[in-house]
Amino acid sequence: MKLITAIIQPDRLDHVREALIQADITRITVTRVTGHGRQEDIEYYRGQKIAPNLIPKVRLDIAVNDQFVDITVDTIVKAARHDVGEIGDGKIFITPMEQCVRIRTNERGGSAI
């Protein structure tokens, strides 16, 4: 089991959700977040560092069984990316997930996803 976390542009959320549904990836958590990456350089004013502005983003958390990792990542990349790819299109993080528990039934493991 893996937890796929994607940080994407807010204007790409509908495209990504629709693409994931078409790929039969239907369980998703969406959170509005802010942050900055390479698109915001650290600037200096009178010798002092000025923190970059925080940019609105959307965080997607998707728990999948191992056989769904590649299709999920490929789908997000294709749907989240602007035409030729732009700075700020986002990032995807894939982390091992030790356990999943469905609260309603106490079912555990991959079948609980």
PDB file of N, CA and C in Angstrom:
ATOM      1  N   MET A   1       0.839  -1.180   0.000  1.00  0.00           N
ATOM      2  CA  MET A   1       0.000   0.000   0.000  1.00  0.00           C
ATOM      3  C   MET A   1       0.881   1.238   0.000  1.00  0.00           C
ATOM      4  N   LYS A   2       0.407   2.260  -0.696  1.00  0.00           N
ATOM      5  CA  LYS A   2       1.146   3.521  -0.784  1.00  0.00           C
ATOM      6  C   LYS A   2       0.183   4.683  -0.563  1.00  0.00           C
ATOM      7  N   LEU A   3       0.742   5.776  -0.068  1.00  0.00           N
ATOM      8  CA  LEU A   3       0.007   7.030   0.019  1.00  0.00           C
ATOM      9  C   LEU A   3       0.613   7.969  -1.008  1.00  0.00           C
ATOM     10  N   ILE A   4      -0.197   8.383  -1.954  1.00  0.00           N
ATOM     11  CA  ILE A   4       0.244   9.310  -2.987  1.00  0.00           C
ATOM     12  C   ILE A   4      -0.264  10.692  -2.599  1.00  0.00           C
ATOM     13  N   THR A   5       0.664  11.622  -2.451  1.00  0.00           N
ATOM     14  CA  THR A   5       0.329  13.003  -2.127  1.00  0.00           C
ATOM     15  C   THR A   5       0.769  13.867  -3.292  1.00  0.00           C
ATOM     16  N   ALA A   6      -0.173  14.583  -3.861  1.00  0.00           N
ATOM     17  CA  ALA A   6       0.129  15.469  -4.987  1.00  0.00           C
ATOM     18  C   ALA A   6      -0.212  16.898  -4.593  1.00  0.00           C
ATOM     19  N   ILE A   7       0.687  17.811  -4.917  1.00  0.00           N
ATOM     20  CA  ILE A   7       0.450  19.240  -4.740  1.00  0.00           C
ATOM     21  C   ILE A   7       0.298  19.816  -6.145  1.00  0.00           C
ATOM     22  N   ILE A   8      -0.874  20.369  -6.444  1.00  0.00           N
ATOM     23  CA  ILE A   8      -1.155  20.830  -7.805  1.00  0.00           C
ATOM     24  C   ILE A   8      -1.724  22.250  -7.792  1.00  0.00           C
ATOM     25  N   GLN A   9      -1.800  22.840  -8.980  1.00  0.00           N
ATOM     26  CA  GLN A   9      -2.411  24.154  -9.143  1.00  0.00           C
ATOM     27  C   GLN A   9      -3.924  24.024  -8.930  1.00  0.00           C
ATOM     28  N   PRO A  10      -4.545  24.973  -8.237  1.00  0.00           N
ATOM     29  CA  PRO A  10      -5.990  24.899  -8.007  1.00  0.00           C
ATOM     30  C   PRO A  10      -6.817  24.823  -9.293  1.00  0.00           C
ATOM     31  N   ASP A  11      -6.361  25.482 -10.355  1.00  0.00           N
ATOM     32  CA  ASP A  11      -7.139  25.464 -11.595  1.00  0.00           C
ATOM     33  C   ASP A  11      -7.088  24.120 -12.311  1.00  0.00           C
ATOM     34  N   ARG A  12      -6.260  23.191 -11.848  1.00  0.00           N
ATOM     35  CA  ARG A  12      -6.165  21.865 -12.470  1.00  0.00           C
ATOM     36  C   ARG A  12      -6.951  20.802 -11.699  1.00  0.00           C
ATOM     37  N   LEU A  13      -7.550  21.179 -10.574  1.00  0.00           N
ATOM     38  CA  LEU A  13      -8.233  20.195  -9.726  1.00  0.00           C
ATOM     39  C   LEU A  13      -9.332  19.451 -10.478  1.00  0.00           C
ATOM     40  N   ASP A  14     -10.208  20.159 -11.162  1.00  0.00           N
ATOM     41  CA  ASP A  14     -11.299  19.485 -11.870  1.00  0.00           C
ATOM     42  C   ASP A  14     -10.771  18.534 -12.941  1.00  0.00           C
ATOM     43  N   HIS A  15      -9.734  18.946 -13.670  1.00  0.00           N
ATOM     44  CA  HIS A  15      -9.135  18.076 -14.695  1.00  0.00           C
ATOM     45  C   HIS A  15      -8.586  16.802 -14.057  1.00  0.00           C
ATOM     46  N   VAL A  16      -7.890  16.963 -12.935  1.00  0.00           N
ATOM     47  CA  VAL A  16      -7.283  15.806 -12.269  1.00  0.00           C
ATOM     48  C   VAL A  16      -8.359  14.874 -11.729  1.00  0.00           C
ATOM     49  N   ARG A  17      -9.365  15.427 -11.079  1.00  0.00           N
ATOM     50  CA  ARG A  17     -10.443  14.586 -10.530  1.00  0.00           C
ATOM     51  C   ARG A  17     -11.142  13.801 -11.627  1.00  0.00           C
ATOM     52  N   GLU A  18     -11.473  14.469 -12.718  1.00  0.00           N
ATOM     53  CA  GLU A  18     -12.141  13.790 -13.829  1.00  0.00           C
ATOM     54  C   GLU A  18     -11.266  12.684 -14.408  1.00  0.00           C
ATOM     55  N   ALA A  19      -9.978  12.963 -14.568  1.00  0.00           N
ATOM     56  CA  ALA A  19      -9.057  11.958 -15.113  1.00  0.00           C
ATOM     57  C   ALA A  19      -8.921  10.772 -14.163  1.00  0.00           C
ATOM     58  N   LEU A  20      -8.847  11.031 -12.866  1.00  0.00           N
ATOM     59  CA  LEU A  20      -8.749   9.939 -11.892  1.00  0.00           C
ATOM     60  C   LEU A  20     -10.008   9.070 -11.919  1.00  0.00           C
ATOM     61  N   ILE A  21     -11.162   9.697 -12.011  1.00  0.00           N
ATOM     62  CA  ILE A  21     -12.408   8.930 -12.079  1.00  0.00           C
ATOM     63  C   ILE A  21     -12.422   8.061 -13.332  1.00  0.00           C
ATOM     64  N   GLN A  22     -11.970   8.606 -14.466  1.00  0.00           N
ATOM     65  CA  GLN A  22     -11.896   7.828 -15.705  1.00  0.00           C
ATOM     66  C   GLN A  22     -10.953   6.635 -15.564  1.00  0.00           C
ATOM     67  N   ALA A  23      -9.932   6.777 -14.712  1.00  0.00           N
ATOM     68  CA  ALA A  23      -8.962   5.694 -14.488  1.00  0.00           C
ATOM     69  C   ALA A  23      -9.395   4.773 -13.346  1.00  0.00           C
ATOM     70  N   ASP A  24     -10.630   4.928 -12.864  1.00  0.00           N
ATOM     71  CA  ASP A  24     -11.177   4.137 -11.750  1.00  0.00           C
ATOM     72  C   ASP A  24     -10.453   4.357 -10.432  1.00  0.00           C
ATOM     73  N   ILE A  25      -9.872   5.533 -10.259  1.00  0.00           N
ATOM     74  CA  ILE A  25      -9.293   5.938  -8.970  1.00  0.00           C
ATOM     75  C   ILE A  25     -10.317   6.898  -8.372  1.00  0.00           C
ATOM     76  N   THR A  26     -11.121   6.403  -7.428  1.00  0.00           N
ATOM     77  CA  THR A  26     -12.275   7.183  -6.977  1.00  0.00           C
ATOM     78  C   THR A  26     -12.201   7.627  -5.524  1.00  0.00           C
ATOM     79  N   ARG A  27     -11.194   7.210  -4.793  1.00  0.00           N
ATOM     80  CA  ARG A  27     -11.086   7.611  -3.387  1.00  0.00           C
ATOM     81  C   ARG A  27      -9.987   8.651  -3.259  1.00  0.00           C
ATOM     82  N   ILE A  28     -10.366   9.841  -2.795  1.00  0.00           N
ATOM     83  CA  ILE A  28      -9.421  10.950  -2.789  1.00  0.00           C
ATOM     84  C   ILE A  28      -9.785  11.920  -1.669  1.00  0.00           C
ATOM     85  N   THR A  29      -8.782  12.507  -1.071  1.00  0.00           N
ATOM     86  CA  THR A  29      -8.976  13.586  -0.105  1.00  0.00           C
ATOM     87  C   THR A  29      -8.333  14.839  -0.686  1.00  0.00           C
ATOM     88  N   VAL A  30      -9.069  15.943  -0.656  1.00  0.00           N
ATOM     89  CA  VAL A  30      -8.596  17.204  -1.231  1.00  0.00           C
ATOM     90  C   VAL A  30      -8.509  18.242  -0.119  1.00  0.00           C
ATOM     91  N   THR A  31      -7.369  18.926  -0.047  1.00  0.00           N
ATOM     92  CA  THR A  31      -7.149  19.967   0.952  1.00  0.00           C
ATOM     93  C   THR A  31      -6.581  21.197   0.259  1.00  0.00           C
ATOM     94  N   ARG A  32      -7.091  22.347   0.604  1.00  0.00           N
ATOM     95  CA  ARG A  32      -6.521  23.604   0.093  1.00  0.00           C
ATOM     96  C   ARG A  32      -5.346  23.971   0.990  1.00  0.00           C
ATOM     97  N   VAL A  33      -4.195  24.225   0.378  1.00  0.00           N
ATOM     98  CA  VAL A  33      -2.970  24.530   1.123  1.00  0.00           C
ATOM     99  C   VAL A  33      -2.278  25.731   0.487  1.00  0.00           C
ATOM    100  N   THR A  34      -1.264  26.247   1.158  1.00  0.00           N
ATOM    101  CA  THR A  34      -0.421  27.287   0.574  1.00  0.00           C
ATOM    102  C   THR A  34       1.033  26.888   0.759  1.00  0.00           C
ATOM    103  N   GLY A  35       1.880  27.388  -0.110  1.00  0.00           N
ATOM    104  CA  GLY A  35       3.304  27.086  -0.007  1.00  0.00           C
ATOM    105  C   GLY A  35       4.068  27.810  -1.095  1.00  0.00           C
ATOM    106  N   HIS A  36       5.352  27.532  -1.158  1.00  0.00           N
ATOM    107  CA  HIS A  36       6.159  28.086  -2.246  1.00  0.00           C
ATOM    108  C   HIS A  36       7.273  27.117  -2.562  1.00  0.00           C
ATOM    109  N   GLY A  37       7.704  27.182  -3.790  1.00  0.00           N
ATOM    110  CA  GLY A  37       8.787  26.329  -4.259  1.00  0.00           C
ATOM    111  C   GLY A  37       9.722  27.151  -5.109  1.00  0.00           C
ATOM    112  N   ARG A  38      10.173  26.576  -6.198  1.00  0.00           N
ATOM    113  CA  ARG A  38      11.138  27.250  -7.066  1.00  0.00           C
ATOM    114  C   ARG A  38      10.583  28.495  -7.742  1.00  0.00           C
ATOM    115  N   GLN A  39       9.268  28.563  -7.908  1.00  0.00           N
ATOM    116  CA  GLN A  39       8.730  29.719  -8.627  1.00  0.00           C
ATOM    117  C   GLN A  39       8.873  31.007  -7.833  1.00  0.00           C
ATOM    118  N   GLU A  40       9.170  30.920  -6.560  1.00  0.00           N
ATOM    119  CA  GLU A  40       9.338  32.112  -5.729  1.00  0.00           C
ATOM    120  C   GLU A  40      10.764  32.140  -5.186  1.00  0.00           C
ATOM    121  N   ASP A  41      11.601  33.023  -5.717  1.00  0.00           N
ATOM    122  CA  ASP A  41      12.967  33.176  -5.228  1.00  0.00           C
ATOM    123  C   ASP A  41      12.978  34.010  -3.951  1.00  0.00           C
ATOM    124  N   ILE A  42      13.951  33.741  -3.103  1.00  0.00           N
ATOM    125  CA  ILE A  42      14.130  34.563  -1.911  1.00  0.00           C
ATOM    126  C   ILE A  42      14.744  35.878  -2.351  1.00  0.00           C
ATOM    127  N   GLU A  43      14.116  36.961  -1.940  1.00  0.00           N
ATOM    128  CA  GLU A  43      14.596  38.287  -2.309  1.00  0.00           C
ATOM    129  C   GLU A  43      15.224  38.955  -1.097  1.00  0.00           C
ATOM    130  N   TYR A  44      16.028  39.962  -1.386  1.00  0.00           N
ATOM    131  CA  TYR A  44      16.681  40.728  -0.321  1.00  0.00           C
ATOM    132  C   TYR A  44      16.246  42.180  -0.422  1.00  0.00           C
ATOM    133  N   TYR A  45      15.994  42.783   0.724  1.00  0.00           N
ATOM    134  CA  TYR A  45      15.671  44.196   0.787  1.00  0.00           C
ATOM    135  C   TYR A  45      16.500  44.793   1.906  1.00  0.00           C
ATOM    136  N   ARG A  46      17.400  45.703   1.541  1.00  0.00           N
ATOM    137  CA  ARG A  46      18.304  46.331   2.502  1.00  0.00           C
ATOM    138  C   ARG A  46      19.061  45.291   3.332  1.00  0.00           C
ATOM    139  N   GLY A  47      19.508  44.249   2.644  1.00  0.00           N
ATOM    140  CA  GLY A  47      20.322  43.225   3.287  1.00  0.00           C
ATOM    141  C   GLY A  47      19.540  42.179   4.063  1.00  0.00           C
ATOM    142  N   GLN A  48      18.236  42.303   4.121  1.00  0.00           N
ATOM    143  CA  GLN A  48      17.403  41.349   4.851  1.00  0.00           C
ATOM    144  C   GLN A  48      16.687  40.418   3.870  1.00  0.00           C
ATOM    145  N   LYS A  49      16.644  39.145   4.224  1.00  0.00           N
ATOM    146  CA  LYS A  49      15.888  38.203   3.409  1.00  0.00           C
ATOM    147  C   LYS A  49      14.398  38.485   3.572  1.00  0.00           C
ATOM    148  N   ILE A  50      13.710  38.444   2.448  1.00  0.00           N
ATOM    149  CA  ILE A  50      12.257  38.618   2.460  1.00  0.00           C
ATOM    150  C   ILE A  50      11.647  37.272   2.086  1.00  0.00           C
ATOM    151  N   ALA A  51      10.771  36.791   2.929  1.00  0.00           N
ATOM    152  CA  ALA A  51      10.143  35.488   2.680  1.00  0.00           C
ATOM    153  C   ALA A  51       9.273  35.558   1.427  1.00  0.00           C
ATOM    154  N   PRO A  52       9.325  34.506   0.605  1.00  0.00           N
ATOM    155  CA  PRO A  52       8.470  34.471  -0.586  1.00  0.00           C
ATOM    156  C   PRO A  52       6.993  34.435  -0.185  1.00  0.00           C
ATOM    157  N   ASN A  53       6.160  34.942  -1.058  1.00  0.00           N
ATOM    158  CA  ASN A  53       4.721  34.873  -0.825  1.00  0.00           C
ATOM    159  C   ASN A  53       4.264  33.423  -0.874  1.00  0.00           C
ATOM    160  N   LEU A  54       3.297  33.099  -0.048  1.00  0.00           N
ATOM    161  CA  LEU A  54       2.706  31.767  -0.089  1.00  0.00           C
ATOM    162  C   LEU A  54       1.686  31.728  -1.225  1.00  0.00           C
ATOM    163  N   ILE A  55       1.756  30.670  -2.008  1.00  0.00           N
ATOM    164  CA  ILE A  55       0.919  30.540  -3.194  1.00  0.00           C
ATOM    165  C   ILE A  55      -0.149  29.479  -2.935  1.00  0.00           C
ATOM    166  N   PRO A  56      -1.407  29.764  -3.264  1.00  0.00           N
ATOM    167  CA  PRO A  56      -2.460  28.763  -3.073  1.00  0.00           C
ATOM    168  C   PRO A  56      -2.211  27.539  -3.949  1.00  0.00           C
ATOM    169  N   LYS A  57      -2.366  26.373  -3.359  1.00  0.00           N
ATOM    170  CA  LYS A  57      -2.232  25.093  -4.059  1.00  0.00           C
ATOM    171  C   LYS A  57      -3.333  24.167  -3.560  1.00  0.00           C
ATOM    172  N   VAL A  58      -3.436  23.010  -4.168  1.00  0.00           N
ATOM    173  CA  VAL A  58      -4.359  21.973  -3.731  1.00  0.00           C
ATOM    174  C   VAL A  58      -3.547  20.720  -3.453  1.00  0.00           C
ATOM    175  N   ARG A  59      -3.834  20.091  -2.318  1.00  0.00           N
ATOM    176  CA  ARG A  59      -3.157  18.846  -1.954  1.00  0.00           C
ATOM    177  C   ARG A  59      -4.148  17.698  -2.123  1.00  0.00           C
ATOM    178  N   LEU A  60      -3.713  16.675  -2.842  1.00  0.00           N
ATOM    179  CA  LEU A  60      -4.503  15.468  -3.020  1.00  0.00           C
ATOM    180  C   LEU A  60      -3.820  14.342  -2.266  1.00  0.00           C
ATOM    181  N   ASP A  61      -4.564  13.626  -1.459  1.00  0.00           N
ATOM    182  CA  ASP A  61      -4.050  12.435  -0.784  1.00  0.00           C
ATOM    183  C   ASP A  61      -4.859  11.251  -1.283  1.00  0.00           C
ATOM    184  N   ILE A  62      -4.154  10.264  -1.825  1.00  0.00           N
ATOM    185  CA  ILE A  62      -4.813   9.097  -2.399  1.00  0.00           C
ATOM    186  C   ILE A  62      -4.095   7.850  -1.900  1.00  0.00           C
ATOM    187  N   ALA A  63      -4.803   7.026  -1.150  1.00  0.00           N
ATOM    188  CA  ALA A  63      -4.250   5.754  -0.686  1.00  0.00           C
ATOM    189  C   ALA A  63      -4.574   4.697  -1.738  1.00  0.00           C
ATOM    190  N   VAL A  64      -3.555   3.959  -2.171  1.00  0.00           N
ATOM    191  CA  VAL A  64      -3.762   2.946  -3.208  1.00  0.00           C
ATOM    192  C   VAL A  64      -3.003   1.670  -2.860  1.00  0.00           C
ATOM    193  N   ASN A  65      -3.501   0.568  -3.402  1.00  0.00           N
ATOM    194  CA  ASN A  65      -2.735  -0.669  -3.354  1.00  0.00           C
ATOM    195  C   ASN A  65      -1.622  -0.561  -4.389  1.00  0.00           C
ATOM    196  N   ASP A  66      -0.576  -1.342  -4.203  1.00  0.00           N
ATOM    197  CA  ASP A  66       0.635  -1.203  -5.019  1.00  0.00           C
ATOM    198  C   ASP A  66       0.379  -1.247  -6.528  1.00  0.00           C
ATOM    199  N   GLN A  67      -0.565  -2.061  -6.976  1.00  0.00           N
ATOM    200  CA  GLN A  67      -0.792  -2.181  -8.422  1.00  0.00           C
ATOM    201  C   GLN A  67      -1.417  -0.929  -9.032  1.00  0.00           C
ATOM    202  N   PHE A  68      -1.891   0.012  -8.208  1.00  0.00           N
ATOM    203  CA  PHE A  68      -2.506   1.235  -8.719  1.00  0.00           C
ATOM    204  C   PHE A  68      -1.578   2.445  -8.669  1.00  0.00           C
ATOM    205  N   VAL A  69      -0.356   2.274  -8.197  1.00  0.00           N
ATOM    206  CA  VAL A  69       0.551   3.417  -8.040  1.00  0.00           C
ATOM    207  C   VAL A  69       0.865   4.061  -9.390  1.00  0.00           C
ATOM    208  N   ASP A  70       1.325   3.290 -10.347  1.00  0.00           N
ATOM    209  CA  ASP A  70       1.749   3.858 -11.632  1.00  0.00           C
ATOM    210  C   ASP A  70       0.608   4.550 -12.369  1.00  0.00           C
ATOM    211  N   ILE A  71      -0.558   3.914 -12.438  1.00  0.00           N
ATOM    212  CA  ILE A  71      -1.682   4.525 -13.154  1.00  0.00           C
ATOM    213  C   ILE A  71      -2.135   5.807 -12.459  1.00  0.00           C
ATOM    214  N   THR A  72      -2.083   5.822 -11.129  1.00  0.00           N
ATOM    215  CA  THR A  72      -2.483   7.021 -10.388  1.00  0.00           C
ATOM    216  C   THR A  72      -1.512   8.163 -10.657  1.00  0.00           C
ATOM    217  N   VAL A  73      -0.224   7.885 -10.559  1.00  0.00           N
ATOM    218  CA  VAL A  73       0.792   8.921 -10.785  1.00  0.00           C
ATOM    219  C   VAL A  73       0.741   9.418 -12.229  1.00  0.00           C
ATOM    220  N   ASP A  74       0.678   8.507 -13.181  1.00  0.00           N
ATOM    221  CA  ASP A  74       0.635   8.909 -14.592  1.00  0.00           C
ATOM    222  C   ASP A  74      -0.595   9.766 -14.896  1.00  0.00           C
ATOM    223  N   THR A  75      -1.721   9.404 -14.316  1.00  0.00           N
ATOM    224  CA  THR A  75      -2.956  10.157 -14.530  1.00  0.00           C
ATOM    225  C   THR A  75      -2.845  11.564 -13.965  1.00  0.00           C
ATOM    226  N   ILE A  76      -2.295  11.682 -12.765  1.00  0.00           N
ATOM    227  CA  ILE A  76      -2.135  13.005 -12.154  1.00  0.00           C
ATOM    228  C   ILE A  76      -1.189  13.864 -12.985  1.00  0.00           C
ATOM    229  N   VAL A  77      -0.063  13.291 -13.404  1.00  0.00           N
ATOM    230  CA  VAL A  77       0.913  14.061 -14.189  1.00  0.00           C
ATOM    231  C   VAL A  77       0.270  14.594 -15.468  1.00  0.00           C
ATOM    232  N   LYS A  78      -0.437  13.735 -16.189  1.00  0.00           N
ATOM    233  CA  LYS A  78      -1.043  14.160 -17.454  1.00  0.00           C
ATOM    234  C   LYS A  78      -2.111  15.227 -17.250  1.00  0.00           C
ATOM    235  N   ALA A  79      -2.912  15.097 -16.199  1.00  0.00           N
ATOM    236  CA  ALA A  79      -4.031  16.021 -15.998  1.00  0.00           C
ATOM    237  C   ALA A  79      -3.627  17.309 -15.285  1.00  0.00           C
ATOM    238  N   ALA A  80      -2.592  17.254 -14.459  1.00  0.00           N
ATOM    239  CA  ALA A  80      -2.207  18.429 -13.668  1.00  0.00           C
ATOM    240  C   ALA A  80      -1.258  19.356 -14.411  1.00  0.00           C
ATOM    241  N   ARG A  81      -0.589  18.819 -15.394  1.00  0.00           N
ATOM    242  CA  ARG A  81       0.440  19.580 -16.102  1.00  0.00           C
ATOM    243  C   ARG A  81      -0.177  20.543 -17.107  1.00  0.00           C
ATOM    244  N   HIS A  82       0.310  21.771 -17.119  1.00  0.00           N
ATOM    245  CA  HIS A  82      -0.087  22.719 -18.158  1.00  0.00           C
ATOM    246  C   HIS A  82       0.589  22.294 -19.463  1.00  0.00           C
ATOM    247  N   ASP A  83       0.109  22.754 -20.584  1.00  0.00           N
ATOM    248  CA  ASP A  83       0.498  22.297 -21.922  1.00  0.00           C
ATOM    249  C   ASP A  83       1.892  21.679 -22.038  1.00  0.00           C
ATOM    250  N   VAL A  84       2.927  22.468 -21.854  1.00  0.00           N
ATOM    251  CA  VAL A  84       4.286  21.949 -22.007  1.00  0.00           C
ATOM    252  C   VAL A  84       4.992  21.817 -20.670  1.00  0.00           C
ATOM    253  N   GLY A  85       4.280  22.031 -19.611  1.00  0.00           N
ATOM    254  CA  GLY A  85       4.887  21.981 -18.285  1.00  0.00           C
ATOM    255  C   GLY A  85       5.409  23.348 -17.895  1.00  0.00           C
ATOM    256  N   GLU A  86       5.006  23.799 -16.728  1.00  0.00           N
ATOM    257  CA  GLU A  86       5.421  25.106 -16.242  1.00  0.00           C
ATOM    258  C   GLU A  86       5.932  24.983 -14.817  1.00  0.00           C
ATOM    259  N   ILE A  87       6.796  25.905 -14.433  1.00  0.00           N
ATOM    260  CA  ILE A  87       7.212  25.959 -13.041  1.00  0.00           C
ATOM    261  C   ILE A  87       5.960  26.172 -12.206  1.00  0.00           C
ATOM    262  N   GLY A  88       5.823  25.396 -11.154  1.00  0.00           N
ATOM    263  CA  GLY A  88       4.654  25.516 -10.291  1.00  0.00           C
ATOM    264  C   GLY A  88       3.552  24.527 -10.601  1.00  0.00           C
ATOM    265  N   ASP A  89       3.744  23.664 -11.617  1.00  0.00           N
ATOM    266  CA  ASP A  89       2.718  22.665 -11.928  1.00  0.00           C
ATOM    267  C   ASP A  89       2.497  21.707 -10.762  1.00  0.00           C
ATOM    268  N   GLY A  90       3.513  21.494  -9.935  1.00  0.00           N
ATOM    269  CA  GLY A  90       3.302  20.680  -8.744  1.00  0.00           C
ATOM    270  C   GLY A  90       4.331  19.595  -8.544  1.00  0.00           C
ATOM    271  N   LYS A  91       4.050  18.784  -7.547  1.00  0.00           N
ATOM    272  CA  LYS A  91       4.925  17.663  -7.177  1.00  0.00           C
ATOM    273  C   LYS A  91       4.051  16.498  -6.735  1.00  0.00           C
ATOM    274  N   ILE A  92       4.609  15.303  -6.832  1.00  0.00           N
ATOM    275  CA  ILE A  92       3.944  14.099  -6.333  1.00  0.00           C
ATOM    276  C   ILE A  92       4.919  13.378  -5.415  1.00  0.00           C
ATOM    277  N   PHE A  93       4.430  13.007  -4.247  1.00  0.00           N
ATOM    278  CA  PHE A  93       5.221  12.253  -3.277  1.00  0.00           C
ATOM    279  C   PHE A  93       4.556  10.897  -3.075  1.00  0.00           C
ATOM    280  N   ILE A  94       5.357   9.843  -3.073  1.00  0.00           N
ATOM    281  CA  ILE A  94       4.841   8.489  -2.872  1.00  0.00           C
ATOM    282  C   ILE A  94       5.515   7.922  -1.632  1.00  0.00           C
ATOM    283  N   THR A  95       4.710   7.571  -0.639  1.00  0.00           N
ATOM    284  CA  THR A  95       5.261   7.052   0.612  1.00  0.00           C
ATOM    285  C   THR A  95       4.613   5.715   0.951  1.00  0.00           C
ATOM    286  N   PRO A  96       5.389   4.828   1.578  1.00  0.00           N
ATOM    287  CA  PRO A  96       4.807   3.561   2.020  1.00  0.00           C
ATOM    288  C   PRO A  96       3.728   3.819   3.074  1.00  0.00           C
ATOM    289  N   MET A  97       2.689   3.036   3.026  1.00  0.00           N
ATOM    290  CA  MET A  97       1.615   3.149   4.008  1.00  0.00           C
ATOM    291  C   MET A  97       1.561   1.834   4.774  1.00  0.00           C
ATOM    292  N   GLU A  98       1.795   1.925   6.054  1.00  0.00           N
ATOM    293  CA  GLU A  98       1.888   0.724   6.871  1.00  0.00           C
ATOM    294  C   GLU A  98       0.559   0.018   7.037  1.00  0.00           C
ATOM    295  N   GLN A  99      -0.491   0.771   7.259  1.00  0.00           N
ATOM    296  CA  GLN A  99      -1.781   0.161   7.566  1.00  0.00           C
ATOM    297  C   GLN A  99      -2.906   1.102   7.173  1.00  0.00           C
ATOM    298  N   CYS A 100      -4.032   0.532   6.848  1.00  0.00           N
ATOM    299  CA  CYS A 100      -5.254   1.289   6.603  1.00  0.00           C
ATOM    300  C   CYS A 100      -6.371   0.586   7.368  1.00  0.00           C
ATOM    301  N   VAL A 101      -7.195   1.348   8.058  1.00  0.00           N
ATOM    302  CA  VAL A 101      -8.306   0.780   8.822  1.00  0.00           C
ATOM    303  C   VAL A 101      -9.583   1.502   8.425  1.00  0.00           C
ATOM    304  N   ARG A 102     -10.579   0.752   8.005  1.00  0.00           N
ATOM    305  CA  ARG A 102     -11.898   1.338   7.727  1.00  0.00           C
ATOM    306  C   ARG A 102     -12.632   1.405   9.058  1.00  0.00           C
ATOM    307  N   ILE A 103     -12.945   2.599   9.494  1.00  0.00           N
ATOM    308  CA  ILE A 103     -13.534   2.798  10.817  1.00  0.00           C
ATOM    309  C   ILE A 103     -14.878   2.088  10.944  1.00  0.00           C
ATOM    310  N   ARG A 104     -15.705   2.161   9.940  1.00  0.00           N
ATOM    311  CA  ARG A 104     -17.049   1.580  10.007  1.00  0.00           C
ATOM    312  C   ARG A 104     -17.025   0.087  10.307  1.00  0.00           C
ATOM    313  N   THR A 105     -16.108  -0.662   9.669  1.00  0.00           N
ATOM    314  CA  THR A 105     -16.103  -2.124   9.793  1.00  0.00           C
ATOM    315  C   THR A 105     -14.893  -2.683  10.528  1.00  0.00           C
ATOM    316  N   ASN A 106     -13.922  -1.839  10.818  1.00  0.00           N
ATOM    317  CA  ASN A 106     -12.645  -2.255  11.406  1.00  0.00           C
ATOM    318  C   ASN A 106     -11.839  -3.142  10.451  1.00  0.00           C
ATOM    319  N   GLU A 107     -12.202  -3.130   9.172  1.00  0.00           N
ATOM    320  CA  GLU A 107     -11.460  -3.862   8.146  1.00  0.00           C
ATOM    321  C   GLU A 107     -10.079  -3.238   8.024  1.00  0.00           C
ATOM    322  N   ARG A 108      -9.063  -4.075   7.794  1.00  0.00           N
ATOM    323  CA  ARG A 108      -7.687  -3.589   7.765  1.00  0.00           C
ATOM    324  C   ARG A 108      -6.960  -4.041   6.503  1.00  0.00           C
ATOM    325  N   GLY A 109      -5.924  -3.269   6.153  1.00  0.00           N
ATOM    326  CA  GLY A 109      -5.088  -3.626   5.016  1.00  0.00           C
ATOM    327  C   GLY A 109      -5.617  -3.079   3.705  1.00  0.00           C
ATOM    328  N   GLY A 110      -5.155  -3.679   2.617  1.00  0.00           N
ATOM    329  CA  GLY A 110      -5.479  -3.195   1.285  1.00  0.00           C
ATOM    330  C   GLY A 110      -6.956  -3.193   0.963  1.00  0.00           C
ATOM    331  N   SER A 111      -7.717  -4.121   1.530  1.00  0.00           N
ATOM    332  CA  SER A 111      -9.156  -4.151   1.248  1.00  0.00           C
ATOM    333  C   SER A 111      -9.905  -3.014   1.924  1.00  0.00           C
ATOM    334  N   ALA A 112      -9.272  -2.340   2.881  1.00  0.00           N
ATOM    335  CA  ALA A 112      -9.910  -1.212   3.567  1.00  0.00           C
ATOM    336  C   ALA A 112      -9.763   0.091   2.791  1.00  0.00           C
ATOM    337  N   ILE A 113      -8.924   0.086   1.766  1.00  0.00           N
ATOM    338  CA  ILE A 113      -8.702   1.330   1.002  1.00  0.00           C
ATOM    339  C   ILE A 113      -9.939   1.663   0.191  1.00  0.00           C
TER     340      ILE A 113
END
